[in-house]
N, C-alpha and C. Protein backbone atom coordinates (compact mmCIF):
# COMPACT_ATOMS: atom_id res chain seq x y z
N GLY A 1 82.04 103.80 85.41
CA GLY A 1 81.37 103.54 84.23
C GLY A 1 81.55 104.67 83.25
N VAL A 2 81.39 105.88 83.65
CA VAL A 2 81.58 107.05 82.80
C VAL A 2 83.02 107.09 82.22
N ILE A 3 84.00 106.78 83.11
CA ILE A 3 85.39 106.80 82.69
C ILE A 3 85.72 105.74 81.64
N VAL A 4 85.17 104.53 81.91
CA VAL A 4 85.30 103.50 80.99
C VAL A 4 84.79 103.82 79.62
N ALA A 5 83.49 104.45 79.69
CA ALA A 5 82.73 104.79 78.39
C ALA A 5 83.48 105.80 77.68
N SER A 6 84.06 106.82 78.40
CA SER A 6 84.54 108.00 77.62
C SER A 6 86.04 107.89 77.41
N LEU A 7 86.82 107.34 78.33
CA LEU A 7 88.25 107.27 78.14
C LEU A 7 88.88 105.90 78.02
N GLY A 8 88.14 104.80 78.30
CA GLY A 8 88.60 103.46 78.12
C GLY A 8 89.03 102.80 79.44
N ALA A 9 89.32 101.54 79.39
CA ALA A 9 89.65 100.75 80.54
C ALA A 9 90.90 101.19 81.27
N VAL A 10 91.96 101.52 80.48
CA VAL A 10 93.16 101.85 81.03
C VAL A 10 93.07 103.15 81.90
N ALA A 11 92.28 104.11 81.51
CA ALA A 11 92.08 105.29 82.25
C ALA A 11 91.23 105.00 83.47
N ALA A 12 90.35 104.16 83.51
CA ALA A 12 89.69 103.68 84.60
C ALA A 12 90.55 103.05 85.71
N PHE A 13 91.48 102.19 85.27
CA PHE A 13 92.47 101.53 86.21
C PHE A 13 93.32 102.63 86.69
N ALA A 14 93.76 103.61 85.94
CA ALA A 14 94.65 104.60 86.36
C ALA A 14 93.99 105.63 87.43
N CYS A 15 92.75 105.98 87.20
CA CYS A 15 92.02 106.73 88.05
C CYS A 15 91.79 105.98 89.39
N ASN A 16 91.52 104.72 89.29
CA ASN A 16 91.25 103.89 90.50
C ASN A 16 92.58 103.91 91.35
N ALA A 17 93.73 103.70 90.67
CA ALA A 17 95.01 103.68 91.42
C ALA A 17 95.34 105.05 92.04
N ILE A 18 95.04 106.11 91.34
CA ILE A 18 95.33 107.56 91.76
C ILE A 18 94.37 107.78 93.06
N LEU A 19 93.15 107.41 92.95
CA LEU A 19 92.25 107.61 94.02
C LEU A 19 92.50 106.84 95.29
N TYR A 20 93.31 105.84 95.17
CA TYR A 20 93.70 105.10 96.34
C TYR A 20 94.76 105.82 97.13
N LEU A 21 95.50 106.68 96.48
CA LEU A 21 96.67 107.31 97.16
C LEU A 21 96.19 108.12 98.35
N PRO A 22 95.16 108.92 98.30
CA PRO A 22 94.72 109.62 99.58
C PRO A 22 94.47 108.66 100.72
N LEU A 23 93.80 107.62 100.46
CA LEU A 23 93.51 106.59 101.45
C LEU A 23 94.70 106.01 102.05
N LEU A 24 95.70 105.64 101.25
CA LEU A 24 97.00 105.28 101.70
C LEU A 24 97.68 106.21 102.61
N VAL A 25 97.67 107.48 102.17
CA VAL A 25 98.36 108.51 102.99
C VAL A 25 97.61 108.64 104.30
N VAL A 26 96.36 108.69 104.36
CA VAL A 26 95.58 108.73 105.68
C VAL A 26 95.94 107.45 106.54
N LEU A 27 95.93 106.28 105.90
CA LEU A 27 96.28 105.08 106.73
C LEU A 27 97.69 105.23 107.22
N LEU A 28 98.63 105.67 106.51
CA LEU A 28 99.96 105.82 106.95
C LEU A 28 100.18 106.87 108.06
N LEU A 29 99.40 107.94 108.03
CA LEU A 29 99.53 109.00 108.96
C LEU A 29 98.65 108.82 110.22
N TRP A 30 97.89 107.81 110.18
CA TRP A 30 96.84 107.49 111.28
C TRP A 30 97.64 107.05 112.47
N ARG A 31 97.50 107.68 113.66
CA ARG A 31 98.09 107.15 114.87
C ARG A 31 96.94 106.84 115.85
N ARG A 32 96.60 105.56 115.94
CA ARG A 32 95.51 105.20 116.75
C ARG A 32 95.96 104.96 118.18
N ASN A 33 95.08 105.14 119.18
CA ASN A 33 95.36 104.86 120.55
C ASN A 33 95.17 103.38 120.86
N THR A 34 96.20 102.75 121.21
CA THR A 34 96.17 101.37 121.52
C THR A 34 96.26 101.10 123.00
N GLU A 35 95.32 100.38 123.51
CA GLU A 35 95.36 99.94 124.87
C GLU A 35 95.80 98.58 124.94
N PRO A 36 96.81 98.26 125.78
CA PRO A 36 97.25 96.91 125.94
C PRO A 36 96.15 96.00 126.51
N SER A 37 96.03 94.81 125.94
CA SER A 37 94.96 93.89 126.30
C SER A 37 95.28 93.35 127.75
N ARG A 38 94.26 93.11 128.50
CA ARG A 38 94.46 92.58 129.89
C ARG A 38 94.53 91.01 129.80
N LEU A 39 94.14 90.53 128.55
CA LEU A 39 94.15 89.08 128.41
C LEU A 39 95.48 88.57 127.76
N PRO A 40 95.76 87.42 128.15
CA PRO A 40 97.18 86.94 127.45
C PRO A 40 96.76 86.64 125.94
N ARG A 41 97.92 86.82 125.21
CA ARG A 41 97.84 86.55 123.71
C ARG A 41 97.39 85.11 123.47
N GLU A 42 96.55 85.08 122.43
CA GLU A 42 95.98 83.75 122.04
C GLU A 42 96.87 83.25 120.87
N LYS A 43 97.16 82.00 120.73
CA LYS A 43 97.85 81.49 119.59
C LYS A 43 96.95 81.42 118.44
N LEU A 44 97.49 81.57 117.16
CA LEU A 44 96.62 81.63 116.03
C LEU A 44 95.77 80.37 115.91
N ASN A 45 96.25 79.20 116.02
CA ASN A 45 95.46 78.07 115.82
C ASN A 45 94.34 77.98 116.83
N ARG A 46 94.65 78.33 118.00
CA ARG A 46 93.56 78.30 119.06
C ARG A 46 92.55 79.30 118.82
N ALA A 47 92.96 80.49 118.31
CA ALA A 47 91.94 81.50 118.00
C ALA A 47 91.03 81.11 116.87
N MET A 48 91.70 80.43 115.92
CA MET A 48 90.91 79.98 114.70
C MET A 48 89.83 78.87 115.15
N VAL A 49 90.25 78.04 116.02
CA VAL A 49 89.26 76.96 116.50
C VAL A 49 88.22 77.71 117.26
N SER A 50 88.64 78.66 118.09
CA SER A 50 87.53 79.42 118.90
C SER A 50 86.54 80.03 117.95
N GLY A 51 87.01 80.66 116.92
CA GLY A 51 86.14 81.37 115.91
C GLY A 51 85.25 80.45 115.28
N PHE A 52 85.82 79.21 114.76
CA PHE A 52 85.09 78.29 114.08
C PHE A 52 84.02 77.72 115.07
N ARG A 53 84.27 77.49 116.29
CA ARG A 53 83.36 77.05 117.32
C ARG A 53 82.23 78.00 117.43
N TYR A 54 82.58 79.24 117.54
CA TYR A 54 81.60 80.27 117.64
C TYR A 54 80.58 80.29 116.55
N ILE A 55 81.16 80.17 115.26
CA ILE A 55 80.37 80.14 114.07
C ILE A 55 79.40 78.92 114.08
N THR A 56 79.92 77.78 114.37
CA THR A 56 79.12 76.59 114.35
C THR A 56 78.00 76.57 115.41
N ASN A 57 78.16 77.29 116.57
CA ASN A 57 77.25 77.35 117.58
C ASN A 57 76.22 78.70 117.55
N SER A 58 76.36 79.41 116.51
CA SER A 58 75.56 80.52 116.35
C SER A 58 74.71 80.51 115.04
N PRO A 59 73.49 80.08 115.11
CA PRO A 59 72.67 80.02 113.89
C PRO A 59 72.67 81.34 113.04
N PRO A 60 72.50 82.49 113.84
CA PRO A 60 72.41 83.80 113.00
C PRO A 60 73.65 84.06 112.22
N ILE A 61 74.75 83.75 112.75
CA ILE A 61 76.14 84.02 112.08
C ILE A 61 76.20 83.06 110.94
N LYS A 62 75.76 81.82 111.09
CA LYS A 62 75.73 80.83 109.94
C LYS A 62 74.93 81.34 108.88
N ILE A 63 73.76 81.88 109.14
CA ILE A 63 72.88 82.33 108.09
C ILE A 63 73.50 83.47 107.39
N VAL A 64 74.14 84.45 108.11
CA VAL A 64 74.70 85.55 107.43
C VAL A 64 75.92 85.10 106.56
N LEU A 65 76.68 84.15 107.05
CA LEU A 65 77.91 83.72 106.22
C LEU A 65 77.42 83.06 104.99
N LEU A 66 76.41 82.14 105.12
CA LEU A 66 75.91 81.46 104.00
C LEU A 66 75.31 82.36 102.95
N ARG A 67 74.54 83.42 103.37
CA ARG A 67 73.93 84.41 102.41
C ARG A 67 75.13 85.15 101.69
N THR A 68 76.12 85.52 102.54
CA THR A 68 77.26 86.23 101.97
C THR A 68 77.96 85.40 101.01
N LEU A 69 78.17 84.10 101.18
CA LEU A 69 78.80 83.27 100.27
C LEU A 69 77.96 83.16 98.94
N VAL A 70 76.68 82.89 99.06
CA VAL A 70 75.83 82.69 97.91
C VAL A 70 75.75 84.01 97.09
N MET A 71 75.52 85.14 97.81
CA MET A 71 75.40 86.39 97.08
C MET A 71 76.74 86.89 96.50
N GLY A 72 77.84 86.55 97.16
CA GLY A 72 79.24 86.81 96.61
C GLY A 72 79.56 86.10 95.37
N LEU A 73 79.13 84.82 95.45
CA LEU A 73 79.37 84.05 94.17
C LEU A 73 78.46 84.50 93.02
N ILE A 74 77.25 84.82 93.25
CA ILE A 74 76.34 85.18 92.26
C ILE A 74 76.89 86.65 91.78
N GLY A 75 77.03 87.54 92.72
CA GLY A 75 77.56 88.88 92.27
C GLY A 75 78.75 88.88 91.56
N GLY A 76 79.73 88.12 91.98
CA GLY A 76 81.02 87.93 91.28
C GLY A 76 80.71 87.39 89.91
N ALA A 77 79.84 86.32 89.69
CA ALA A 77 79.62 85.92 88.33
C ALA A 77 79.11 87.00 87.46
N ILE A 78 78.18 87.79 88.02
CA ILE A 78 77.56 88.87 87.32
C ILE A 78 78.66 89.84 86.71
N MET A 79 79.48 90.32 87.63
CA MET A 79 80.55 91.23 87.30
C MET A 79 81.64 90.52 86.33
N ALA A 80 81.86 89.39 86.45
CA ALA A 80 82.79 88.65 85.55
C ALA A 80 82.19 88.45 84.17
N LEU A 81 80.90 88.26 84.16
CA LEU A 81 80.33 88.06 82.85
C LEU A 81 79.88 89.33 82.09
N MET A 82 79.82 90.43 82.80
CA MET A 82 79.33 91.72 82.32
C MET A 82 80.02 92.20 81.05
N PRO A 83 81.32 91.99 80.96
CA PRO A 83 81.93 92.41 79.61
C PRO A 83 81.54 91.54 78.41
N LEU A 84 81.22 90.28 78.72
CA LEU A 84 80.69 89.47 77.57
C LEU A 84 79.20 89.80 77.23
N VAL A 85 78.47 90.12 78.25
CA VAL A 85 77.15 90.48 77.98
C VAL A 85 77.13 91.82 77.14
N ALA A 86 77.93 92.79 77.57
CA ALA A 86 78.06 94.04 76.79
C ALA A 86 78.49 93.75 75.35
N ARG A 87 79.38 92.92 75.15
CA ARG A 87 79.93 92.62 73.79
C ARG A 87 79.11 91.69 72.95
N ASP A 88 78.70 90.59 73.46
CA ASP A 88 78.06 89.55 72.71
C ASP A 88 76.52 89.65 72.67
N LEU A 89 75.91 89.97 73.84
CA LEU A 89 74.33 90.06 73.85
C LEU A 89 73.87 91.45 73.36
N LEU A 90 74.61 92.41 73.82
CA LEU A 90 74.12 93.79 73.51
C LEU A 90 74.87 94.44 72.31
N HIS A 91 75.90 93.65 71.79
CA HIS A 91 76.64 94.07 70.63
C HIS A 91 77.28 95.58 70.82
N GLY A 92 77.77 95.74 72.04
CA GLY A 92 78.35 97.01 72.33
C GLY A 92 79.86 96.94 72.57
N GLY A 93 80.46 98.01 73.00
CA GLY A 93 81.86 97.97 73.32
C GLY A 93 82.08 98.54 74.67
N ALA A 94 83.13 99.40 74.78
CA ALA A 94 83.58 99.91 76.11
C ALA A 94 82.47 100.81 76.58
N GLN A 95 81.82 101.56 75.62
CA GLN A 95 80.77 102.54 76.18
C GLN A 95 79.57 101.76 76.76
N THR A 96 79.19 100.73 76.09
CA THR A 96 78.13 99.87 76.76
C THR A 96 78.51 99.33 78.02
N TYR A 97 79.69 98.76 78.10
CA TYR A 97 80.13 98.29 79.36
C TYR A 97 80.24 99.33 80.47
N GLY A 98 80.69 100.50 80.10
CA GLY A 98 80.73 101.60 81.05
C GLY A 98 79.41 102.10 81.55
N ILE A 99 78.42 102.08 80.66
CA ILE A 99 77.09 102.35 81.01
C ILE A 99 76.55 101.27 82.03
N MET A 100 76.86 100.05 81.73
CA MET A 100 76.39 99.03 82.67
C MET A 100 77.07 99.13 83.99
N LEU A 101 78.39 99.41 84.09
CA LEU A 101 79.04 99.56 85.31
C LEU A 101 78.42 100.86 86.03
N GLY A 102 78.15 101.86 85.33
CA GLY A 102 77.54 103.02 85.94
C GLY A 102 76.19 102.74 86.45
N ALA A 103 75.41 101.86 85.76
CA ALA A 103 74.01 101.49 86.21
C ALA A 103 74.17 100.73 87.55
N PHE A 104 75.20 99.87 87.74
CA PHE A 104 75.36 99.13 88.86
C PHE A 104 75.74 99.98 90.01
N GLY A 105 76.62 101.04 89.74
CA GLY A 105 77.02 102.01 90.79
C GLY A 105 75.90 102.87 91.14
N MET A 106 75.02 103.28 90.30
CA MET A 106 73.89 104.09 90.59
C MET A 106 72.82 103.34 91.40
N GLY A 107 72.73 101.97 91.09
CA GLY A 107 71.81 101.09 91.83
C GLY A 107 72.27 100.97 93.19
N ALA A 108 73.63 100.91 93.45
CA ALA A 108 74.11 100.72 94.84
C ALA A 108 73.92 101.98 95.54
N VAL A 109 74.05 103.14 94.96
CA VAL A 109 73.90 104.45 95.61
C VAL A 109 72.46 104.60 96.00
N ILE A 110 71.61 104.32 95.07
CA ILE A 110 70.08 104.49 95.31
C ILE A 110 69.70 103.55 96.37
N GLY A 111 70.11 102.35 96.34
CA GLY A 111 69.87 101.23 97.44
C GLY A 111 70.29 101.81 98.77
N ALA A 112 71.57 102.33 98.82
CA ALA A 112 72.12 102.81 100.16
C ALA A 112 71.28 103.97 100.60
N LEU A 113 70.83 104.81 99.72
CA LEU A 113 70.00 105.92 100.17
C LEU A 113 68.66 105.54 100.70
N ASN A 114 68.13 104.37 100.26
CA ASN A 114 66.70 104.07 100.51
C ASN A 114 66.58 102.97 101.40
N ILE A 115 67.73 102.37 101.92
CA ILE A 115 67.62 101.24 102.86
C ILE A 115 67.04 101.60 104.20
N HIS A 116 67.19 102.74 104.59
CA HIS A 116 66.61 103.21 105.83
C HIS A 116 65.10 103.16 105.77
N GLU A 117 64.58 103.69 104.63
CA GLU A 117 63.09 103.76 104.42
C GLU A 117 62.59 102.33 104.29
N LEU A 118 63.31 101.37 103.64
CA LEU A 118 62.91 99.96 103.40
C LEU A 118 62.84 99.27 104.84
N ARG A 119 63.86 99.55 105.66
CA ARG A 119 63.89 98.95 106.98
C ARG A 119 62.83 99.44 107.83
N LYS A 120 62.29 100.70 107.71
CA LYS A 120 61.14 101.15 108.50
C LYS A 120 59.88 100.36 108.10
N ARG A 121 59.74 99.92 106.93
CA ARG A 121 58.52 99.26 106.39
C ARG A 121 58.63 97.72 106.48
N MET A 122 59.72 97.24 106.61
CA MET A 122 59.92 95.77 106.65
C MET A 122 60.98 95.39 107.73
N SER A 123 60.82 94.16 108.15
CA SER A 123 61.89 93.60 109.01
C SER A 123 63.11 93.38 108.30
N GLY A 124 64.16 93.15 109.06
CA GLY A 124 65.47 92.98 108.32
C GLY A 124 65.43 91.67 107.48
N GLU A 125 64.71 90.66 107.93
CA GLU A 125 64.67 89.53 107.10
C GLU A 125 63.89 89.65 105.72
N ALA A 126 62.70 90.33 106.02
CA ALA A 126 61.96 90.76 104.76
C ALA A 126 62.68 91.63 103.86
N ALA A 127 63.42 92.48 104.29
CA ALA A 127 64.19 93.47 103.34
C ALA A 127 65.23 92.59 102.64
N ILE A 128 65.94 91.77 103.24
CA ILE A 128 66.92 90.97 102.63
C ILE A 128 66.30 89.99 101.67
N ARG A 129 65.05 89.47 101.97
CA ARG A 129 64.43 88.60 100.95
C ARG A 129 63.91 89.49 99.76
N ALA A 130 63.42 90.61 100.02
CA ALA A 130 63.02 91.45 98.82
C ALA A 130 64.14 91.90 98.04
N CYS A 131 65.24 92.24 98.57
CA CYS A 131 66.47 92.56 97.82
C CYS A 131 67.02 91.45 96.96
N THR A 132 66.94 90.28 97.53
CA THR A 132 67.38 89.04 96.91
C THR A 132 66.55 88.83 95.64
N ILE A 133 65.11 88.90 95.88
CA ILE A 133 64.27 88.67 94.79
C ILE A 133 64.36 89.74 93.67
N SER A 134 64.60 90.94 94.11
CA SER A 134 64.69 91.92 93.09
C SER A 134 66.04 91.67 92.29
N MET A 135 67.02 91.28 92.99
CA MET A 135 68.31 90.95 92.30
C MET A 135 68.11 89.83 91.25
N ALA A 136 67.28 88.80 91.62
CA ALA A 136 67.09 87.76 90.80
C ALA A 136 66.24 88.10 89.60
N PHE A 137 65.29 89.04 89.74
CA PHE A 137 64.52 89.54 88.52
C PHE A 137 65.49 90.30 87.67
N ALA A 138 66.30 91.20 88.27
CA ALA A 138 67.26 92.02 87.42
C ALA A 138 68.18 91.12 86.65
N MET A 139 68.67 90.06 87.25
CA MET A 139 69.56 89.07 86.53
C MET A 139 68.85 88.43 85.44
N ALA A 140 67.53 88.05 85.68
CA ALA A 140 66.72 87.45 84.64
C ALA A 140 66.50 88.38 83.45
N ALA A 141 66.23 89.68 83.78
CA ALA A 141 66.02 90.66 82.83
C ALA A 141 67.27 90.90 81.99
N LEU A 142 68.42 90.84 82.61
CA LEU A 142 69.70 91.05 81.91
C LEU A 142 69.97 89.84 80.97
N ALA A 143 69.69 88.65 81.62
CA ALA A 143 69.89 87.46 80.73
C ALA A 143 69.08 87.36 79.46
N LEU A 144 67.85 87.88 79.57
CA LEU A 144 66.88 87.89 78.43
C LEU A 144 67.01 89.08 77.51
N SER A 145 67.73 90.09 77.82
CA SER A 145 67.81 91.31 77.09
C SER A 145 68.57 91.16 75.79
N THR A 146 68.22 91.87 74.81
CA THR A 146 69.05 91.90 73.55
C THR A 146 69.30 93.28 73.14
N GLU A 147 68.71 94.24 73.91
CA GLU A 147 68.82 95.68 73.52
C GLU A 147 69.48 96.38 74.68
N PRO A 148 70.39 97.28 74.42
CA PRO A 148 71.09 97.97 75.50
C PRO A 148 70.08 98.79 76.43
N VAL A 149 68.92 99.27 75.89
CA VAL A 149 67.99 99.94 76.73
C VAL A 149 67.20 98.95 77.55
């Protein structure tokens, strides 16, 4: 967000590309220990059927996948519409968009640092519900806002 606000979108893409280089180097140099499987290789079609059968017979996995789908669609829509919100609703430019991206990043870091404390006070299910409700309120506040602050 800071890079977009100060240097523009092209610089943000360039920094993103450059910062992937160390990761690619580590992945190329990584020599993991592989142990041969004692089971015979499974054909792809059969493995997919087995995985689908596992999902359909596991209610907890179905819930996780459904939540992931819904939150992914909603989160993707937010990120896709954020440039329009910055330009049309907040009447800003790259700097406003950069600040919004920075706020999303800061929120993610703050959430990651506090999730342990939240999980001590709530069950996993209650924590997910609280986070979903707070995301809904934040989206509503963004939709109704007309000022960058």
